[in-house]
Amino acid sequence: MSRTTGVKISFAGTAIEGLGILLDIFHHLNIGLETPEGLLTPFHFLVLFGFLINFVGVIITASSRRDK
């Protein structure tokens, strides 16, 4: 894969992370910070999913640099 593909994937992951963080902020404004649900919320999973996509993009970008 090319370097630009990895960067595009990283941008998509960052956008998903940002959306998850924004939704999580609104969620915590409604329920408060001290809740028994812990880290197992859909918004935390969305942030994690975005992080993983971002990480894949970084790996693709780094591996494409080594090919040259």
PDB file of N, CA and C in Angstrom:
ATOM      1  N   MET A   1       0.841  -1.179   0.000  1.00  0.00           N
ATOM      2  CA  MET A   1       0.000   0.000   0.000  1.00  0.00           C
ATOM      3  C   MET A   1       0.886   1.242   0.000  1.00  0.00           C
ATOM      4  N   SER A   2       0.287   2.332  -0.406  1.00  0.00           N
ATOM      5  CA  SER A   2       1.071   3.556  -0.502  1.00  0.00           C
ATOM      6  C   SER A   2       1.002   4.358   0.788  1.00  0.00           C
ATOM      7  N   ARG A   3       1.894   5.308   0.851  1.00  0.00           N
ATOM      8  CA  ARG A   3       1.969   6.180   2.026  1.00  0.00           C
ATOM      9  C   ARG A   3       0.700   7.009   2.186  1.00  0.00           C
ATOM     10  N   THR A   4       0.150   7.497   1.082  1.00  0.00           N
ATOM     11  CA  THR A   4      -1.060   8.323   1.169  1.00  0.00           C
ATOM     12  C   THR A   4      -2.258   7.513   1.653  1.00  0.00           C
ATOM     13  N   THR A   5      -2.293   6.235   1.323  1.00  0.00           N
ATOM     14  CA  THR A   5      -3.368   5.378   1.823  1.00  0.00           C
ATOM     15  C   THR A   5      -3.297   5.270   3.337  1.00  0.00           C
ATOM     16  N   GLY A   6      -2.111   5.085   3.876  1.00  0.00           N
ATOM     17  CA  GLY A   6      -1.940   5.008   5.322  1.00  0.00           C
ATOM     18  C   GLY A   6      -2.336   6.295   6.020  1.00  0.00           C
ATOM     19  N   VAL A   7      -2.003   7.419   5.412  1.00  0.00           N
ATOM     20  CA  VAL A   7      -2.362   8.714   6.000  1.00  0.00           C
ATOM     21  C   VAL A   7      -3.875   8.896   5.978  1.00  0.00           C
ATOM     22  N   LYS A   8      -4.529   8.508   4.889  1.00  0.00           N
ATOM     23  CA  LYS A   8      -5.987   8.621   4.813  1.00  0.00           C
ATOM     24  C   LYS A   8      -6.668   7.735   5.856  1.00  0.00           C
ATOM     25  N   ILE A   9      -6.147   6.550   6.053  1.00  0.00           N
ATOM     26  CA  ILE A   9      -6.700   5.654   7.064  1.00  0.00           C
ATOM     27  C   ILE A   9      -6.508   6.258   8.454  1.00  0.00           C
ATOM     28  N   SER A  10      -5.359   6.848   8.705  1.00  0.00           N
ATOM     29  CA  SER A  10      -5.111   7.490   9.996  1.00  0.00           C
ATOM     30  C   SER A  10      -6.051   8.667  10.231  1.00  0.00           C
ATOM     31  N   PHE A  11      -6.306   9.451   9.194  1.00  0.00           N
ATOM     32  CA  PHE A  11      -7.250  10.568   9.331  1.00  0.00           C
ATOM     33  C   PHE A  11      -8.656  10.058   9.646  1.00  0.00           C
ATOM     34  N   ALA A  12      -9.057   8.966   9.009  1.00  0.00           N
ATOM     35  CA  ALA A  12     -10.372   8.392   9.291  1.00  0.00           C
ATOM     36  C   ALA A  12     -10.452   7.914  10.744  1.00  0.00           C
ATOM     37  N   GLY A  13      -9.387   7.261  11.207  1.00  0.00           N
ATOM     38  CA  GLY A  13      -9.351   6.816  12.598  1.00  0.00           C
ATOM     39  C   GLY A  13      -9.397   7.977  13.574  1.00  0.00           C
ATOM     40  N   THR A  14      -8.701   9.053  13.242  1.00  0.00           N
ATOM     41  CA  THR A  14      -8.712  10.240  14.095  1.00  0.00           C
ATOM     42  C   THR A  14     -10.100  10.861  14.130  1.00  0.00           C
ATOM     43  N   ALA A  15     -10.787  10.888  13.008  1.00  0.00           N
ATOM     44  CA  ALA A  15     -12.148  11.429  12.969  1.00  0.00           C
ATOM     45  C   ALA A  15     -13.092  10.579  13.826  1.00  0.00           C
ATOM     46  N   ILE A  16     -12.950   9.264  13.761  1.00  0.00           N
ATOM     47  CA  ILE A  16     -13.779   8.377  14.579  1.00  0.00           C
ATOM     48  C   ILE A  16     -13.476   8.583  16.061  1.00  0.00           C
ATOM     49  N   GLU A  17     -12.196   8.710  16.400  1.00  0.00           N
ATOM     50  CA  GLU A  17     -11.820   8.995  17.793  1.00  0.00           C
ATOM     51  C   GLU A  17     -12.433  10.303  18.271  1.00  0.00           C
ATOM     52  N   GLY A  18     -12.340  11.336  17.447  1.00  0.00           N
ATOM     53  CA  GLY A  18     -12.888  12.636  17.816  1.00  0.00           C
ATOM     54  C   GLY A  18     -14.390  12.578  18.043  1.00  0.00           C
ATOM     55  N   LEU A  19     -15.090  11.868  17.169  1.00  0.00           N
ATOM     56  CA  LEU A  19     -16.533  11.709  17.337  1.00  0.00           C
ATOM     57  C   LEU A  19     -16.852  10.958  18.628  1.00  0.00           C
ATOM     58  N   GLY A  20     -16.106   9.895  18.893  1.00  0.00           N
ATOM     59  CA  GLY A  20     -16.321   9.129  20.121  1.00  0.00           C
ATOM     60  C   GLY A  20     -16.062   9.956  21.364  1.00  0.00           C
ATOM     61  N   ILE A  21     -15.023  10.767  21.338  1.00  0.00           N
ATOM     62  CA  ILE A  21     -14.702  11.618  22.490  1.00  0.00           C
ATOM     63  C   ILE A  21     -15.780  12.664  22.690  1.00  0.00           C
ATOM     64  N   LEU A  22     -16.246  13.268  21.610  1.00  0.00           N
ATOM     65  CA  LEU A  22     -17.306  14.273  21.712  1.00  0.00           C
ATOM     66  C   LEU A  22     -18.589  13.665  22.280  1.00  0.00           C
ATOM     67  N   LEU A  23     -18.973  12.505  21.769  1.00  0.00           N
ATOM     68  CA  LEU A  23     -20.164  11.835  22.286  1.00  0.00           C
ATOM     69  C   LEU A  23     -19.980  11.416  23.743  1.00  0.00           C
ATOM     70  N   ASP A  24     -18.778  11.014  24.108  1.00  0.00           N
ATOM     71  CA  ASP A  24     -18.502  10.628  25.496  1.00  0.00           C
ATOM     72  C   ASP A  24     -18.591  11.829  26.432  1.00  0.00           C
ATOM     73  N   ILE A  25     -18.148  12.986  25.979  1.00  0.00           N
ATOM     74  CA  ILE A  25     -18.256  14.195  26.792  1.00  0.00           C
ATOM     75  C   ILE A  25     -19.731  14.506  27.053  1.00  0.00           C
ATOM     76  N   PHE A  26     -20.554  14.463  26.004  1.00  0.00           N
ATOM     77  CA  PHE A  26     -21.986  14.712  26.186  1.00  0.00           C
ATOM     78  C   PHE A  26     -22.623  13.671  27.098  1.00  0.00           C
ATOM     79  N   HIS A  27     -22.190  12.440  26.959  1.00  0.00           N
ATOM     80  CA  HIS A  27     -22.698  11.365  27.812  1.00  0.00           C
ATOM     81  C   HIS A  27     -22.368  11.642  29.279  1.00  0.00           C
ATOM     82  N   HIS A  28     -21.148  12.043  29.543  1.00  0.00           N
ATOM     83  CA  HIS A  28     -20.749  12.314  30.929  1.00  0.00           C
ATOM     84  C   HIS A  28     -21.397  13.587  31.463  1.00  0.00           C
ATOM     85  N   LEU A  29     -21.710  14.528  30.609  1.00  0.00           N
ATOM     86  CA  LEU A  29     -22.438  15.709  31.068  1.00  0.00           C
ATOM     87  C   LEU A  29     -23.842  15.329  31.527  1.00  0.00           C
ATOM     88  N   ASN A  30     -24.419  14.300  30.917  1.00  0.00           N
ATOM     89  CA  ASN A  30     -25.764  13.860  31.291  1.00  0.00           C
ATOM     90  C   ASN A  30     -25.776  12.973  32.525  1.00  0.00           C
ATOM     91  N   ILE A  31     -24.810  12.060  32.648  1.00  0.00           N
ATOM     92  CA  ILE A  31     -24.855  11.090  33.748  1.00  0.00           C
ATOM     93  C   ILE A  31     -23.865  11.394  34.858  1.00  0.00           C
ATOM     94  N   GLY A  32     -22.913  12.280  34.621  1.00  0.00           N
ATOM     95  CA  GLY A  32     -21.897  12.575  35.621  1.00  0.00           C
ATOM     96  C   GLY A  32     -20.653  11.745  35.413  1.00  0.00           C
ATOM     97  N   LEU A  33     -19.629  12.053  36.195  1.00  0.00           N
ATOM     98  CA  LEU A  33     -18.351  11.353  36.048  1.00  0.00           C
ATOM     99  C   LEU A  33     -18.274  10.081  36.882  1.00  0.00           C
ATOM    100  N   GLU A  34     -18.829  10.108  38.060  1.00  0.00           N
ATOM    101  CA  GLU A  34     -18.748   8.955  38.967  1.00  0.00           C
ATOM    102  C   GLU A  34     -19.951   8.047  38.768  1.00  0.00           C
ATOM    103  N   THR A  35     -19.835   7.116  37.839  1.00  0.00           N
ATOM    104  CA  THR A  35     -20.916   6.174  37.575  1.00  0.00           C
ATOM    105  C   THR A  35     -20.372   4.756  37.662  1.00  0.00           C
ATOM    106  N   PRO A  36     -21.231   3.796  37.970  1.00  0.00           N
ATOM    107  CA  PRO A  36     -20.753   2.412  38.112  1.00  0.00           C
ATOM    108  C   PRO A  36     -20.449   1.713  36.786  1.00  0.00           C
ATOM    109  N   GLU A  37     -20.757   2.339  35.666  1.00  0.00           N
ATOM    110  CA  GLU A  37     -20.563   1.664  34.383  1.00  0.00           C
ATOM    111  C   GLU A  37     -19.094   1.510  34.001  1.00  0.00           C
ATOM    112  N   GLY A  38     -18.222   2.316  34.553  1.00  0.00           N
ATOM    113  CA  GLY A  38     -16.795   2.186  34.282  1.00  0.00           C
ATOM    114  C   GLY A  38     -16.438   2.535  32.852  1.00  0.00           C
ATOM    115  N   LEU A  39     -15.544   1.759  32.266  1.00  0.00           N
ATOM    116  CA  LEU A  39     -15.055   2.044  30.918  1.00  0.00           C
ATOM    117  C   LEU A  39     -15.802   1.294  29.826  1.00  0.00           C
ATOM    118  N   LEU A  40     -16.817   0.537  30.195  1.00  0.00           N
ATOM    119  CA  LEU A  40     -17.513  -0.291  29.215  1.00  0.00           C
ATOM    120  C   LEU A  40     -18.748   0.427  28.673  1.00  0.00           C
ATOM    121  N   THR A  41     -18.514   1.511  27.967  1.00  0.00           N
ATOM    122  CA  THR A  41     -19.606   2.236  27.325  1.00  0.00           C
ATOM    123  C   THR A  41     -19.411   2.186  25.819  1.00  0.00           C
ATOM    124  N   PRO A  42     -20.483   2.354  25.052  1.00  0.00           N
ATOM    125  CA  PRO A  42     -20.340   2.335  23.589  1.00  0.00           C
ATOM    126  C   PRO A  42     -19.402   3.433  23.076  1.00  0.00           C
ATOM    127  N   PHE A  43     -19.387   4.572  23.748  1.00  0.00           N
ATOM    128  CA  PHE A  43     -18.544   5.665  23.284  1.00  0.00           C
ATOM    129  C   PHE A  43     -17.070   5.377  23.531  1.00  0.00           C
ATOM    130  N   HIS A  44     -16.762   4.694  24.616  1.00  0.00           N
ATOM    131  CA  HIS A  44     -15.371   4.304  24.856  1.00  0.00           C
ATOM    132  C   HIS A  44     -14.917   3.279  23.823  1.00  0.00           C
ATOM    133  N   PHE A  45     -15.823   2.377  23.435  1.00  0.00           N
ATOM    134  CA  PHE A  45     -15.481   1.415  22.388  1.00  0.00           C
ATOM    135  C   PHE A  45     -15.286   2.116  21.040  1.00  0.00           C
ATOM    136  N   LEU A  46     -16.052   3.174  20.796  1.00  0.00           N
ATOM    137  CA  LEU A  46     -15.885   3.947  19.564  1.00  0.00           C
ATOM    138  C   LEU A  46     -14.518   4.626  19.535  1.00  0.00           C
ATOM    139  N   VAL A  47     -14.087   5.166  20.665  1.00  0.00           N
ATOM    140  CA  VAL A  47     -12.753   5.776  20.754  1.00  0.00           C
ATOM    141  C   VAL A  47     -11.682   4.705  20.525  1.00  0.00           C
ATOM    142  N   LEU A  48     -11.846   3.546  21.128  1.00  0.00           N
ATOM    143  CA  LEU A  48     -10.883   2.454  20.948  1.00  0.00           C
ATOM    144  C   LEU A  48     -10.842   1.994  19.494  1.00  0.00           C
ATOM    145  N   PHE A  49     -12.006   1.884  18.856  1.00  0.00           N
ATOM    146  CA  PHE A  49     -12.076   1.481  17.455  1.00  0.00           C
ATOM    147  C   PHE A  49     -11.352   2.496  16.567  1.00  0.00           C
ATOM    148  N   GLY A  50     -11.572   3.784  16.837  1.00  0.00           N
ATOM    149  CA  GLY A  50     -10.876   4.826  16.086  1.00  0.00           C
ATOM    150  C   GLY A  50      -9.378   4.768  16.294  1.00  0.00           C
ATOM    151  N   PHE A  51      -8.959   4.492  17.541  1.00  0.00           N
ATOM    152  CA  PHE A  51      -7.528   4.366  17.823  1.00  0.00           C
ATOM    153  C   PHE A  51      -6.921   3.206  17.033  1.00  0.00           C
ATOM    154  N   LEU A  52      -7.625   2.086  16.989  1.00  0.00           N
ATOM    155  CA  LEU A  52      -7.093   0.930  16.267  1.00  0.00           C
ATOM    156  C   LEU A  52      -6.981   1.210  14.766  1.00  0.00           C
ATOM    157  N   ILE A  53      -7.968   1.879  14.196  1.00  0.00           N
ATOM    158  CA  ILE A  53      -7.899   2.247  12.784  1.00  0.00           C
ATOM    159  C   ILE A  53      -6.730   3.199  12.544  1.00  0.00           C
ATOM    160  N   ASN A  54      -6.578   4.165  13.442  1.00  0.00           N
ATOM    161  CA  ASN A  54      -5.471   5.112  13.346  1.00  0.00           C
ATOM    162  C   ASN A  54      -4.140   4.369  13.408  1.00  0.00           C
ATOM    163  N   PHE A  55      -4.024   3.411  14.287  1.00  0.00           N
ATOM    164  CA  PHE A  55      -2.792   2.639  14.441  1.00  0.00           C
ATOM    165  C   PHE A  55      -2.476   1.843  13.176  1.00  0.00           C
ATOM    166  N   VAL A  56      -3.500   1.274  12.557  1.00  0.00           N
ATOM    167  CA  VAL A  56      -3.297   0.539  11.309  1.00  0.00           C
ATOM    168  C   VAL A  56      -2.762   1.485  10.232  1.00  0.00           C
ATOM    169  N   GLY A  57      -3.315   2.690  10.176  1.00  0.00           N
ATOM    170  CA  GLY A  57      -2.821   3.675   9.219  1.00  0.00           C
ATOM    171  C   GLY A  57      -1.372   4.043   9.453  1.00  0.00           C
ATOM    172  N   VAL A  58      -0.990   4.167  10.715  1.00  0.00           N
ATOM    173  CA  VAL A  58       0.405   4.476  11.048  1.00  0.00           C
ATOM    174  C   VAL A  58       1.321   3.330  10.630  1.00  0.00           C
ATOM    175  N   ILE A  59       0.903   2.108  10.864  1.00  0.00           N
ATOM    176  CA  ILE A  59       1.704   0.937  10.478  1.00  0.00           C
ATOM    177  C   ILE A  59       1.869   0.890   8.955  1.00  0.00           C
ATOM    178  N   ILE A  60       0.805   1.158   8.222  1.00  0.00           N
ATOM    179  CA  ILE A  60       0.887   1.162   6.756  1.00  0.00           C
ATOM    180  C   ILE A  60       1.835   2.262   6.284  1.00  0.00           C
ATOM    181  N   THR A  61       1.733   3.451   6.888  1.00  0.00           N
ATOM    182  CA  THR A  61       2.608   4.543   6.501  1.00  0.00           C
ATOM    183  C   THR A  61       4.065   4.216   6.812  1.00  0.00           C
ATOM    184  N   ALA A  62       4.311   3.658   7.968  1.00  0.00           N
ATOM    185  CA  ALA A  62       5.685   3.330   8.356  1.00  0.00           C
ATOM    186  C   ALA A  62       6.253   2.230   7.452  1.00  0.00           C
ATOM    187  N   SER A  63       5.453   1.244   7.110  1.00  0.00           N
ATOM    188  CA  SER A  63       5.968   0.169   6.255  1.00  0.00           C
ATOM    189  C   SER A  63       6.190   0.650   4.823  1.00  0.00           C
ATOM    190  N   SER A  64       5.422   1.620   4.368  1.00  0.00           N
ATOM    191  CA  SER A  64       5.637   2.116   3.014  1.00  0.00           C
ATOM    192  C   SER A  64       6.906   2.955   2.929  1.00  0.00           C
ATOM    193  N   ARG A  65       7.322   3.545   4.029  1.00  0.00           N
ATOM    194  CA  ARG A  65       8.572   4.303   4.036  1.00  0.00           C
ATOM    195  C   ARG A  65       9.786   3.378   3.922  1.00  0.00           C
ATOM    196  N   ARG A  66       9.679   2.191   4.493  1.00  0.00           N
ATOM    197  CA  ARG A  66      10.797   1.243   4.457  1.00  0.00           C
ATOM    198  C   ARG A  66      10.990   0.654   3.068  1.00  0.00           C
ATOM    199  N   ASP A  67       9.924   0.616   2.292  1.00  0.00           N
ATOM    200  CA  ASP A  67      10.017   0.007   0.948  1.00  0.00           C
ATOM    201  C   ASP A  67      10.856   0.851   0.001  1.00  0.00           C
ATOM    202  N   LYS A  68      11.008   2.131   0.292  1.00  0.00           N
ATOM    203  CA  LYS A  68      11.711   3.010  -0.641  1.00  0.00           C
ATOM    204  C   LYS A  68      13.181   3.060  -0.370  1.00  0.00           C
TER     205      LYS A  68
END
